[in-house]
C-alpha atoms as a PDB file:
ATOM      1  CA  MET A   1     -26.207  -9.144  24.585  1.00  0.00           C
ATOM      2  CA  GLU A   2     -26.472  -9.058  20.873  1.00  0.00           C
ATOM      3  CA  ASN A   3     -22.917  -7.852  20.472  1.00  0.00           C
ATOM      4  CA  LYS A   4     -21.742 -10.780  22.340  1.00  0.00           C
ATOM      5  CA  GLU A   5     -23.489 -13.242  20.204  1.00  0.00           C
ATOM      6  CA  THR A   6     -22.018 -11.557  17.035  1.00  0.00           C
ATOM      7  CA  ARG A   7     -18.601 -11.931  18.636  1.00  0.00           C
ATOM      8  CA  ILE A   8     -18.949 -15.535  19.222  1.00  0.00           C
ATOM      9  CA  ARG A   9     -20.312 -16.161  15.787  1.00  0.00           C
ATOM     10  CA  MET A  10     -17.561 -14.312  13.776  1.00  0.00           C
ATOM     11  CA  SER A  11     -14.802 -16.590  12.540  1.00  0.00           C
ATOM     12  CA  LYS A  12     -11.236 -15.680  13.642  1.00  0.00           C
ATOM     13  CA  GLU A  13     -10.264 -14.634  10.082  1.00  0.00           C
ATOM     14  CA  ASP A  14     -13.374 -12.146   9.967  1.00  0.00           C
ATOM     15  CA  ARG A  15     -12.481 -10.881  13.419  1.00  0.00           C
ATOM     16  CA  ARG A  16      -8.926 -10.181  12.558  1.00  0.00           C
ATOM     17  CA  GLU A  17     -10.176  -8.479   9.495  1.00  0.00           C
ATOM     18  CA  GLN A  18     -12.627  -6.358  11.531  1.00  0.00           C
ATOM     19  CA  ILE A  19      -9.771  -5.361  13.817  1.00  0.00           C
ATOM     20  CA  ILE A  20      -7.578  -4.331  10.983  1.00  0.00           C
ATOM     21  CA  GLU A  21     -10.391  -2.295   9.284  1.00  0.00           C
ATOM     22  CA  SER A  22     -11.181  -0.556  12.526  1.00  0.00           C
ATOM     23  CA  ALA A  23      -7.406   0.223  13.208  1.00  0.00           C
ATOM     24  CA  MET A  24      -7.020   1.572   9.778  1.00  0.00           C
ATOM     25  CA  GLN A  25      -9.868   4.004  10.399  1.00  0.00           C
ATOM     26  CA  VAL A  26      -8.447   5.065  13.735  1.00  0.00           C
ATOM     27  CA  PHE A  27      -4.752   5.426  12.565  1.00  0.00           C
ATOM     28  CA  VAL A  28      -6.064   7.404   9.561  1.00  0.00           C
ATOM     29  CA  GLU A  29      -7.824   9.798  11.911  1.00  0.00           C
ATOM     30  CA  LYS A  30      -5.351  10.194  14.705  1.00  0.00           C
ATOM     31  CA  GLY A  31      -1.904   8.883  13.275  1.00  0.00           C
ATOM     32  CA  TYR A  32       0.259   6.246  15.015  1.00  0.00           C
ATOM     33  CA  ASN A  33       1.116   8.076  18.235  1.00  0.00           C
ATOM     34  CA  GLY A  34      -2.432   9.390  18.693  1.00  0.00           C
ATOM     35  CA  THR A  35      -3.962   5.957  18.382  1.00  0.00           C
ATOM     36  CA  THR A  36      -4.421   3.650  21.368  1.00  0.00           C
ATOM     37  CA  THR A  37      -5.276   0.098  21.154  1.00  0.00           C
ATOM     38  CA  ALA A  38      -8.261   0.864  23.455  1.00  0.00           C
ATOM     39  CA  GLU A  39      -9.673   3.082  20.932  1.00  0.00           C
ATOM     40  CA  VAL A  40      -9.096   0.500  18.102  1.00  0.00           C
ATOM     41  CA  ALA A  41     -10.735  -2.017  20.350  1.00  0.00           C
ATOM     42  CA  LYS A  42     -13.931   0.252  20.938  1.00  0.00           C
ATOM     43  CA  VAL A  43     -14.291   0.997  17.271  1.00  0.00           C
ATOM     44  CA  ALA A  44     -14.080  -2.836  16.454  1.00  0.00           C
ATOM     45  CA  ASN A  45     -16.657  -3.375  19.240  1.00  0.00           C
ATOM     46  CA  ILE A  46     -14.253  -5.815  21.047  1.00  0.00           C
ATOM     47  CA  SER A  47     -12.430  -5.717  24.335  1.00  0.00           C
ATOM     48  CA  GLU A  48      -8.755  -4.775  24.419  1.00  0.00           C
ATOM     49  CA  VAL A  49      -7.913  -8.204  25.602  1.00  0.00           C
ATOM     50  CA  THR A  50      -9.425  -9.675  22.368  1.00  0.00           C
ATOM     51  CA  LEU A  51      -7.392  -7.254  20.305  1.00  0.00           C
ATOM     52  CA  PHE A  52      -4.158  -8.619  21.898  1.00  0.00           C
ATOM     53  CA  ARG A  53      -5.160 -12.125  21.077  1.00  0.00           C
ATOM     54  CA  TYR A  54      -4.736 -11.201  17.521  1.00  0.00           C
ATOM     55  CA  PHE A  55      -2.002  -8.594  17.733  1.00  0.00           C
ATOM     56  CA  ASP A  56       0.906  -8.572  20.261  1.00  0.00           C
ATOM     57  CA  SER A  57       1.369  -4.744  19.913  1.00  0.00           C
ATOM     58  CA  LYS A  58       0.265  -1.618  18.412  1.00  0.00           C
ATOM     59  CA  ARG A  59       3.195  -1.776  16.006  1.00  0.00           C
ATOM     60  CA  GLU A  60       2.222  -5.106  14.955  1.00  0.00           C
ATOM     61  CA  LEU A  61      -1.244  -3.994  14.424  1.00  0.00           C
ATOM     62  CA  PHE A  62      -0.089  -0.926  12.403  1.00  0.00           C
ATOM     63  CA  LEU A  63       2.038  -3.239  10.193  1.00  0.00           C
ATOM     64  CA  SER A  64      -0.800  -5.528   9.568  1.00  0.00           C
ATOM     65  CA  VAL A  65      -2.810  -2.622   8.376  1.00  0.00           C
ATOM     66  CA  ILE A  66      -0.126  -1.254   5.954  1.00  0.00           C
ATOM     67  CA  GLU A  67       1.730  -4.384   4.509  1.00  0.00           C
ATOM     68  CA  PRO A  68      -1.218  -5.634   2.559  1.00  0.00           C
ATOM     69  CA  ILE A  69      -1.857  -2.152   1.065  1.00  0.00           C
ATOM     70  CA  LEU A  70       1.738  -1.415   0.166  1.00  0.00           C
ATOM     71  CA  MET A  71       3.873  -4.366  -0.466  1.00  0.00           C
ATOM     72  CA  ASP A  72       1.575  -7.373  -0.801  1.00  0.00           C
ATOM     73  CA  THR A  73      -0.563  -5.876  -3.591  1.00  0.00           C
ATOM     74  CA  LEU A  74       2.684  -5.057  -5.481  1.00  0.00           C
ATOM     75  CA  LYS A  75       4.244  -8.383  -5.325  1.00  0.00           C
ATOM     76  CA  GLU A  76       1.031  -9.807  -6.326  1.00  0.00           C
ATOM     77  CA  SER A  77       0.826  -7.531  -9.301  1.00  0.00           C
ATOM     78  CA  ILE A  78       4.272  -8.433 -10.179  1.00  0.00           C
ATOM     79  CA  MET A  79       3.794 -12.222  -9.883  1.00  0.00           C
ATOM     80  CA  THR A  80       0.330 -12.296 -11.720  1.00  0.00           C
ATOM     81  CA  THR A  81       1.714 -10.329 -14.882  1.00  0.00           C
ATOM     82  CA  LYS A  82       5.118 -12.422 -15.305  1.00  0.00           C
ATOM     83  CA  ASP A  83       3.665 -14.034 -18.464  1.00  0.00           C
ATOM     84  CA  LEU A  84       2.858 -10.807 -20.084  1.00  0.00           C
ATOM     85  CA  GLU A  85       4.974  -9.038 -22.590  1.00  0.00           C
ATOM     86  CA  PRO A  86       7.165  -6.517 -20.823  1.00  0.00           C
ATOM     87  CA  ILE A  87       5.374  -3.336 -21.979  1.00  0.00           C
ATOM     88  CA  GLU A  88       1.922  -4.902 -21.030  1.00  0.00           C
ATOM     89  CA  ARG A  89       3.328  -5.811 -17.732  1.00  0.00           C
ATOM     90  CA  LEU A  90       4.632  -2.559 -16.819  1.00  0.00           C
ATOM     91  CA  ARG A  91       1.368  -0.889 -18.119  1.00  0.00           C
ATOM     92  CA  PHE A  92      -0.567  -3.119 -15.684  1.00  0.00           C
ATOM     93  CA  ILE A  93       1.681  -2.462 -12.714  1.00  0.00           C
ATOM     94  CA  LEU A  94       1.663   1.178 -13.183  1.00  0.00           C
ATOM     95  CA  THR A  95      -2.127   1.288 -13.460  1.00  0.00           C
ATOM     96  CA  GLU A  96      -2.556  -0.879 -10.465  1.00  0.00           C
ATOM     97  CA  ARG A  97      -0.301   1.299  -8.412  1.00  0.00           C
ATOM     98  CA  ILE A  98      -1.893   4.537  -9.422  1.00  0.00           C
ATOM     99  CA  ASN A  99      -5.383   3.135  -8.793  1.00  0.00           C
ATOM    100  CA  LEU A 100      -4.292   1.654  -5.403  1.00  0.00           C
ATOM    101  CA  ILE A 101      -2.729   5.022  -4.233  1.00  0.00           C
ATOM    102  CA  SER A 102      -5.622   7.108  -5.478  1.00  0.00           C
ATOM    103  CA  LYS A 103      -8.039   4.817  -3.708  1.00  0.00           C
ATOM    104  CA  ASN A 104      -6.033   4.600  -0.434  1.00  0.00           C
ATOM    105  CA  HIS A 105      -4.082   7.903  -0.634  1.00  0.00           C
ATOM    106  CA  LYS A 106      -4.942   8.875   3.073  1.00  0.00           C
ATOM    107  CA  VAL A 107      -3.653   5.495   4.314  1.00  0.00           C
ATOM    108  CA  VAL A 108      -0.709   5.561   2.239  1.00  0.00           C
ATOM    109  CA  ARG A 109       0.279   9.049   3.007  1.00  0.00           C
ATOM    110  CA  LEU A 110      -0.016   8.186   6.713  1.00  0.00           C
ATOM    111  CA  ILE A 111       2.093   5.093   6.336  1.00  0.00           C
ATOM    112  CA  LEU A 112       4.781   6.996   4.587  1.00  0.00           C
ATOM    113  CA  MET A 113       4.661   9.832   7.026  1.00  0.00           C
ATOM    114  CA  GLU A 114       4.448   7.536  10.206  1.00  0.00           C
ATOM    115  CA  SER A 115       7.502   5.422   8.915  1.00  0.00           C
ATOM    116  CA  GLN A 116       9.571   8.464   8.504  1.00  0.00           C
ATOM    117  CA  VAL A 117       8.993  10.056  11.751  1.00  0.00           C
ATOM    118  CA  ASN A 118       8.095   7.605  14.321  1.00  0.00           C
ATOM    119  CA  PRO A 119      11.159   5.765  16.063  1.00  0.00           C
ATOM    120  CA  GLU A 120       8.758   3.011  17.359  1.00  0.00           C
ATOM    121  CA  LEU A 121       8.236   1.803  13.759  1.00  0.00           C
ATOM    122  CA  GLY A 122      11.727   1.202  13.214  1.00  0.00           C
ATOM    123  CA  ASP A 123      13.120   1.122   9.613  1.00  0.00           C
ATOM    124  CA  LEU A 124      10.050   0.695   7.565  1.00  0.00           C
ATOM    125  CA  ASN A 125      11.227   2.712   4.457  1.00  0.00           C
ATOM    126  CA  TYR A 126       8.460   1.570   2.113  1.00  0.00           C
ATOM    127  CA  ILE A 127       9.390   4.049  -0.525  1.00  0.00           C
ATOM    128  CA  GLU A 128      12.850   2.333  -0.795  1.00  0.00           C
ATOM    129  CA  LYS A 129      11.129  -1.189  -0.646  1.00  0.00           C
ATOM    130  CA  ILE A 130       8.712  -0.302  -3.418  1.00  0.00           C
ATOM    131  CA  SER A 131      11.282   1.384  -5.478  1.00  0.00           C
ATOM    132  CA  LYS A 132      13.584  -1.955  -5.276  1.00  0.00           C
ATOM    133  CA  LEU A 133      10.602  -4.075  -6.224  1.00  0.00           C
ATOM    134  CA  LEU A 134       9.854  -1.841  -9.262  1.00  0.00           C
ATOM    135  CA  LYS A 135      13.555  -1.716 -10.419  1.00  0.00           C
ATOM    136  CA  ASP A 136      13.856  -5.335 -10.054  1.00  0.00           C
ATOM    137  CA  SER A 137      10.757  -6.011 -11.925  1.00  0.00           C
ATOM    138  CA  ILE A 138      11.686  -3.527 -14.762  1.00  0.00           C
ATOM    139  CA  ASN A 139      15.185  -5.019 -14.901  1.00  0.00           C
ATOM    140  CA  GLN A 140      13.615  -8.602 -15.280  1.00  0.00           C
ATOM    141  CA  MET A 141      11.295  -7.347 -17.995  1.00  0.00           C
ATOM    142  CA  GLY A 142      14.560  -6.679 -20.078  1.00  0.00           C
ATOM    143  CA  PHE A 143      14.064  -2.864 -20.380  1.00  0.00           C
ATOM    144  CA  THR A 144      17.547  -1.339 -21.207  1.00  0.00           C
ATOM    145  CA  LEU A 145      17.370   2.407 -20.478  1.00  0.00           C
ATOM    146  CA  LYS A 146      19.559   5.211 -21.449  1.00  0.00           C
ATOM    147  CA  ASN A 147      19.220   6.667 -17.937  1.00  0.00           C
ATOM    148  CA  LYS A 148      17.761   4.168 -15.474  1.00  0.00           C
ATOM    149  CA  ASP A 149      18.173   6.342 -12.375  1.00  0.00           C
ATOM    150  CA  LEU A 150      16.081   9.280 -14.089  1.00  0.00           C
ATOM    151  CA  THR A 151      13.414   6.745 -15.439  1.00  0.00           C
ATOM    152  CA  PHE A 152      13.016   5.167 -11.881  1.00  0.00           C
ATOM    153  CA  ARG A 153      12.768   8.676 -10.083  1.00  0.00           C
ATOM    154  CA  LEU A 154      10.346   9.611 -12.814  1.00  0.00           C
ATOM    155  CA  LEU A 155       8.249   6.407 -12.202  1.00  0.00           C
ATOM    156  CA  MET A 156       8.256   6.875  -8.434  1.00  0.00           C
ATOM    157  CA  GLY A 157       7.607  10.427  -8.522  1.00  0.00           C
ATOM    158  CA  SER A 158       4.768   9.889 -10.889  1.00  0.00           C
ATOM    159  CA  ILE A 159       3.192   7.255  -8.837  1.00  0.00           C
ATOM    160  CA  LEU A 160       3.595   9.068  -5.585  1.00  0.00           C
ATOM    161  CA  SER A 161       2.004  12.174  -7.127  1.00  0.00           C
ATOM    162  CA  TYR A 162      -1.332  10.360  -6.780  1.00  0.00           C
ATOM    163  CA  LEU A 163      -1.089  10.738  -2.964  1.00  0.00           C
ATOM    164  CA  TYR A 164      -1.745  14.487  -3.242  1.00  0.00           C
ATOM    165  CA  PHE A 165      -3.813  14.410  -6.489  1.00  0.00           C
ATOM    166  CA  PRO A 166      -5.703  11.251  -6.312  1.00  0.00           C
ATOM    167  CA  GLU A 167      -7.516  10.292  -9.658  1.00  0.00           C
ATOM    168  CA  THR A 168     -10.632   8.155  -9.884  1.00  0.00           C
ATOM    169  CA  ASN A 169     -11.184   8.577 -13.700  1.00  0.00           C
ATOM    170  CA  SER A 170      -9.741   5.512 -15.271  1.00  0.00           C
ATOM    171  CA  GLU A 171      -9.443   7.114 -18.596  1.00  0.00           C
ATOM    172  CA  SER A 172      -7.251   9.895 -17.163  1.00  0.00           C
ATOM    173  CA  ILE A 173      -5.041   7.283 -15.390  1.00  0.00           C
ATOM    174  CA  ASN A 174      -4.741   5.173 -18.569  1.00  0.00           C
ATOM    175  CA  LEU A 175      -3.561   8.252 -20.513  1.00  0.00           C
ATOM    176  CA  PHE A 176      -1.013   9.219 -17.829  1.00  0.00           C
ATOM    177  CA  VAL A 177       0.179   5.464 -17.898  1.00  0.00           C
ATOM    178  CA  GLU A 178       0.511   5.629 -21.745  1.00  0.00           C
ATOM    179  CA  SER A 179       2.560   8.831 -21.412  1.00  0.00           C
ATOM    180  CA  ILE A 180       4.919   7.307 -18.973  1.00  0.00           C
ATOM    181  CA  LEU A 181       5.346   4.136 -21.229  1.00  0.00           C
ATOM    182  CA  LYS A 182       5.939   6.307 -24.265  1.00  0.00           C
ATOM    183  CA  TYR A 183       8.802   8.042 -22.343  1.00  0.00           C
ATOM    184  CA  ILE A 184      10.263   4.782 -21.411  1.00  0.00           C
ATOM    185  CA  ILE A 185      10.042   3.297 -24.943  1.00  0.00           C
ATOM    186  CA  ASP A 186      11.605   6.442 -26.398  1.00  0.00           C
ATOM    187  CA  ASN A 187      14.447   6.316 -23.786  1.00  0.00           C
ATOM    188  CA  LYS A 188      15.580   2.722 -24.423  1.00  0.00           C
ATOM    189  CA  ASN A 189      19.019   2.075 -25.354  1.00  0.00           C
END
């Protein structure tokens, strides 16, 4: 009976967030194909019918779990730093990405893996989307680089390396970011 009262009192936004958090937990543990909406509902302590009031499909739920982590946070970082000097802006974005990936490495690895191998998810190519956002942002900052392709590959590779070697030490992350920035500054036209 207590669970029903809790369900009634929870706001729609809080319930949606609860479902997303539960889904993330199950998706990370079992992958996209291994997860059922019934399992997500059970972890969220709701009925499957309630889950489908918030999300039309497992695919929509999966996208609701991953979009904020990968894309929305990057777009937000780019927008909030638009008034900073280019090098400060890039420093902030790189540090934010590395921290985000280190903190969420299991989820991000799942997202990238599933988006590559699961036809039900369609063309989600997040690496390409993130790369394009970073390229556009760096171009808008006015950096003219000797070898843009190499620099972008180094940036993406550096950021993605934190999927497999997550780092929580902020001093270590800052030193790494400074090394990347030095490379970019040294390779400007």
